[in-house]
């Protein structure tokens, strides 16, 4: 289970289980996240890579790569 971790000065997510929908972008009026901000945490509250394809996920680029070559097999830890 990944939890979205909103940066300081961003509004709090509407619920603890809220995840940005695919294609979501933050409001341009919101301040930039601090450099290196971890947008996702695991159930222990530790930083995690986030769900594949989600906003701020470390491995979000894998989804784009898979659309180029559907024969690729994606593995996520």
N, C-alpha and C. Protein backbone atom coordinates (compact mmCIF):
# COMPACT_ATOMS: atom_id res chain seq x y z
N UNK A 1 0.85 -1.18 0.00
CA UNK A 1 0.00 0.00 0.00
C UNK A 1 0.89 1.24 0.00
N UNK A 2 0.70 2.08 -0.98
CA UNK A 2 1.43 3.34 -1.06
C UNK A 2 0.49 4.48 -0.66
N UNK A 3 1.03 5.44 0.06
CA UNK A 3 0.25 6.61 0.47
C UNK A 3 0.89 7.85 -0.14
N UNK A 4 0.05 8.71 -0.75
CA UNK A 4 0.56 9.94 -1.34
C UNK A 4 0.98 10.88 -0.22
N UNK A 5 2.17 11.46 -0.36
CA UNK A 5 2.76 12.33 0.63
C UNK A 5 2.84 13.74 0.04
N UNK A 6 1.86 14.57 0.34
CA UNK A 6 1.82 15.93 -0.21
C UNK A 6 2.95 16.78 0.38
N UNK A 7 3.62 17.57 -0.46
CA UNK A 7 4.68 18.45 0.04
C UNK A 7 4.13 19.54 0.95
N UNK A 8 5.01 20.19 1.70
CA UNK A 8 4.58 21.31 2.54
C UNK A 8 3.93 22.39 1.66
N UNK A 9 2.95 23.05 2.20
CA UNK A 9 2.24 24.14 1.54
C UNK A 9 1.33 23.69 0.40
N UNK A 10 1.15 22.37 0.21
CA UNK A 10 0.14 21.86 -0.70
C UNK A 10 -1.07 21.51 0.15
N UNK A 11 -2.28 21.54 -0.42
CA UNK A 11 -3.44 21.09 0.36
C UNK A 11 -3.30 19.61 0.74
N UNK A 12 -3.86 19.26 1.86
CA UNK A 12 -3.86 17.86 2.28
C UNK A 12 -4.76 17.07 1.32
N UNK A 13 -4.38 15.83 0.99
CA UNK A 13 -5.27 15.00 0.17
C UNK A 13 -6.63 14.84 0.86
N UNK A 14 -7.70 14.62 0.08
CA UNK A 14 -9.04 14.52 0.67
C UNK A 14 -9.25 13.35 1.63
N UNK A 15 -8.42 12.31 1.51
CA UNK A 15 -8.50 11.18 2.45
C UNK A 15 -7.14 10.50 2.50
N UNK A 16 -6.94 9.63 3.50
CA UNK A 16 -5.67 8.91 3.63
C UNK A 16 -5.44 7.95 2.48
N UNK A 17 -6.51 7.47 1.87
CA UNK A 17 -6.37 6.50 0.78
C UNK A 17 -6.36 7.16 -0.61
N UNK A 18 -6.43 8.50 -0.68
CA UNK A 18 -6.48 9.19 -1.97
C UNK A 18 -5.19 9.00 -2.74
N UNK A 19 -5.34 8.74 -4.03
CA UNK A 19 -4.21 8.64 -4.95
C UNK A 19 -4.50 9.54 -6.13
N UNK A 20 -3.51 10.29 -6.61
CA UNK A 20 -3.77 11.11 -7.79
C UNK A 20 -4.17 10.22 -8.96
N UNK A 21 -5.25 10.57 -9.67
CA UNK A 21 -5.63 9.76 -10.83
C UNK A 21 -4.58 9.88 -11.93
N UNK A 22 -4.55 8.92 -12.84
CA UNK A 22 -3.60 8.95 -13.95
C UNK A 22 -3.74 10.28 -14.70
N UNK A 23 -2.63 10.88 -15.00
CA UNK A 23 -2.61 12.14 -15.72
C UNK A 23 -2.75 13.37 -14.83
N UNK A 24 -2.93 13.17 -13.53
CA UNK A 24 -3.09 14.29 -12.59
C UNK A 24 -1.82 15.12 -12.53
N UNK A 25 -1.97 16.41 -12.44
CA UNK A 25 -0.86 17.34 -12.24
C UNK A 25 -1.26 18.29 -11.11
N UNK A 26 -0.31 18.73 -10.29
CA UNK A 26 -0.65 19.67 -9.22
C UNK A 26 -1.05 21.03 -9.81
N UNK A 27 -1.82 21.76 -9.05
CA UNK A 27 -2.24 23.11 -9.45
C UNK A 27 -0.99 23.96 -9.65
N UNK A 28 -0.86 24.65 -10.77
CA UNK A 28 0.33 25.48 -11.01
C UNK A 28 0.51 26.60 -9.98
N UNK A 29 -0.56 26.94 -9.26
CA UNK A 29 -0.46 27.98 -8.23
C UNK A 29 0.22 27.47 -6.97
N UNK A 30 0.31 26.14 -6.80
CA UNK A 30 0.95 25.59 -5.62
C UNK A 30 2.46 25.74 -5.74
N UNK A 31 3.15 25.91 -4.61
CA UNK A 31 4.62 26.01 -4.67
C UNK A 31 5.25 24.69 -5.12
N UNK A 32 6.46 24.78 -5.65
CA UNK A 32 7.20 23.57 -6.03
C UNK A 32 7.50 22.74 -4.79
N UNK A 33 7.54 21.44 -4.99
CA UNK A 33 7.94 20.54 -3.90
C UNK A 33 9.43 20.75 -3.64
N UNK A 34 9.88 20.57 -2.41
CA UNK A 34 11.32 20.67 -2.13
C UNK A 34 12.11 19.68 -2.99
N UNK A 35 13.32 20.03 -3.32
CA UNK A 35 14.19 19.15 -4.13
C UNK A 35 14.29 17.78 -3.46
N UNK A 36 14.11 16.72 -4.25
CA UNK A 36 14.22 15.37 -3.74
C UNK A 36 13.04 14.89 -2.92
N UNK A 37 11.93 15.63 -2.94
CA UNK A 37 10.76 15.27 -2.13
C UNK A 37 10.26 13.87 -2.49
N UNK A 38 9.93 13.08 -1.51
CA UNK A 38 9.34 11.75 -1.72
C UNK A 38 7.83 11.85 -1.70
N UNK A 39 7.20 11.69 -2.85
CA UNK A 39 5.75 11.83 -2.95
C UNK A 39 4.98 10.63 -2.42
N UNK A 40 5.68 9.53 -2.15
CA UNK A 40 5.01 8.31 -1.72
C UNK A 40 5.68 7.71 -0.50
N UNK A 41 4.85 7.14 0.39
CA UNK A 41 5.37 6.42 1.54
C UNK A 41 4.71 5.03 1.57
N UNK A 42 5.38 4.09 2.24
CA UNK A 42 4.80 2.75 2.37
C UNK A 42 3.97 2.69 3.65
N UNK A 43 3.43 1.53 3.95
CA UNK A 43 2.56 1.42 5.13
C UNK A 43 3.29 1.67 6.44
N UNK A 44 4.62 1.61 6.43
CA UNK A 44 5.40 1.91 7.63
C UNK A 44 5.76 3.39 7.73
N UNK A 45 5.32 4.17 6.72
CA UNK A 45 5.63 5.60 6.72
C UNK A 45 6.98 5.93 6.13
N UNK A 46 7.67 4.92 5.59
CA UNK A 46 8.98 5.15 4.96
C UNK A 46 8.79 5.50 3.49
N UNK A 47 9.72 6.25 2.99
CA UNK A 47 9.69 6.66 1.59
C UNK A 47 9.65 5.44 0.68
N UNK A 48 8.85 5.51 -0.40
CA UNK A 48 8.79 4.41 -1.35
C UNK A 48 8.76 4.97 -2.77
N UNK A 49 8.92 4.09 -3.74
CA UNK A 49 8.96 4.53 -5.13
C UNK A 49 7.59 4.92 -5.65
N UNK A 50 6.53 4.41 -5.06
CA UNK A 50 5.18 4.73 -5.49
C UNK A 50 4.67 3.75 -6.54
N UNK A 51 3.37 3.81 -6.82
CA UNK A 51 2.80 2.90 -7.80
C UNK A 51 3.24 3.27 -9.21
N UNK A 52 3.45 2.27 -10.05
CA UNK A 52 3.89 2.51 -11.43
C UNK A 52 2.91 3.44 -12.13
N UNK A 53 3.44 4.46 -12.75
CA UNK A 53 2.65 5.40 -13.53
C UNK A 53 2.02 6.52 -12.73
N UNK A 54 2.12 6.50 -11.41
CA UNK A 54 1.50 7.54 -10.59
C UNK A 54 2.34 8.80 -10.55
N UNK A 55 1.70 9.93 -10.30
CA UNK A 55 2.40 11.20 -10.18
C UNK A 55 3.47 11.10 -9.09
N UNK A 56 4.68 11.51 -9.40
CA UNK A 56 5.76 11.54 -8.43
C UNK A 56 6.40 10.20 -8.15
N UNK A 57 5.93 9.13 -8.79
CA UNK A 57 6.53 7.82 -8.58
C UNK A 57 7.89 7.78 -9.25
N UNK A 58 8.85 7.18 -8.59
CA UNK A 58 10.22 7.11 -9.09
C UNK A 58 10.29 6.37 -10.42
N UNK A 59 9.47 5.34 -10.58
CA UNK A 59 9.54 4.50 -11.76
C UNK A 59 8.45 4.80 -12.79
N UNK A 60 7.86 5.98 -12.74
CA UNK A 60 6.75 6.30 -13.63
C UNK A 60 7.12 6.18 -15.11
N UNK A 61 8.38 6.35 -15.47
CA UNK A 61 8.80 6.27 -16.86
C UNK A 61 8.67 4.89 -17.46
N UNK A 62 8.59 3.85 -16.63
CA UNK A 62 8.48 2.49 -17.16
C UNK A 62 7.18 2.30 -17.95
N UNK A 63 6.12 2.98 -17.56
CA UNK A 63 4.85 2.84 -18.26
C UNK A 63 4.99 3.34 -19.68
N UNK A 64 5.66 4.49 -19.86
CA UNK A 64 5.86 5.02 -21.21
C UNK A 64 6.68 4.04 -22.04
N UNK A 65 7.70 3.44 -21.46
CA UNK A 65 8.55 2.49 -22.18
C UNK A 65 7.73 1.29 -22.62
N UNK A 66 6.84 0.83 -21.76
CA UNK A 66 6.01 -0.34 -22.09
C UNK A 66 5.07 -0.05 -23.25
N UNK A 67 4.62 1.19 -23.39
CA UNK A 67 3.72 1.49 -24.49
C UNK A 67 4.47 1.50 -25.81
N UNK A 68 5.77 1.68 -25.78
CA UNK A 68 6.57 1.65 -26.99
C UNK A 68 6.75 0.21 -27.46
N UNK A 69 7.00 -0.70 -26.55
CA UNK A 69 7.22 -2.09 -26.91
C UNK A 69 6.36 -2.98 -26.00
N UNK A 70 5.17 -3.38 -26.46
CA UNK A 70 4.29 -4.17 -25.59
C UNK A 70 4.85 -5.53 -25.21
N UNK A 71 5.94 -5.95 -25.83
CA UNK A 71 6.54 -7.24 -25.49
C UNK A 71 7.34 -7.17 -24.19
N UNK A 72 7.60 -5.97 -23.68
CA UNK A 72 8.36 -5.83 -22.45
C UNK A 72 7.53 -6.33 -21.26
N UNK A 73 8.21 -6.94 -20.34
CA UNK A 73 7.55 -7.39 -19.11
C UNK A 73 8.02 -6.48 -18.00
N UNK A 74 7.08 -5.86 -17.29
CA UNK A 74 7.43 -4.94 -16.22
C UNK A 74 7.39 -5.68 -14.89
N UNK A 75 8.39 -5.42 -14.08
CA UNK A 75 8.40 -5.99 -12.74
C UNK A 75 8.55 -4.85 -11.76
N UNK A 76 7.82 -4.89 -10.69
CA UNK A 76 7.86 -3.82 -9.71
C UNK A 76 8.01 -4.43 -8.32
N UNK A 77 8.91 -3.85 -7.55
CA UNK A 77 9.08 -4.37 -6.19
C UNK A 77 8.42 -3.46 -5.19
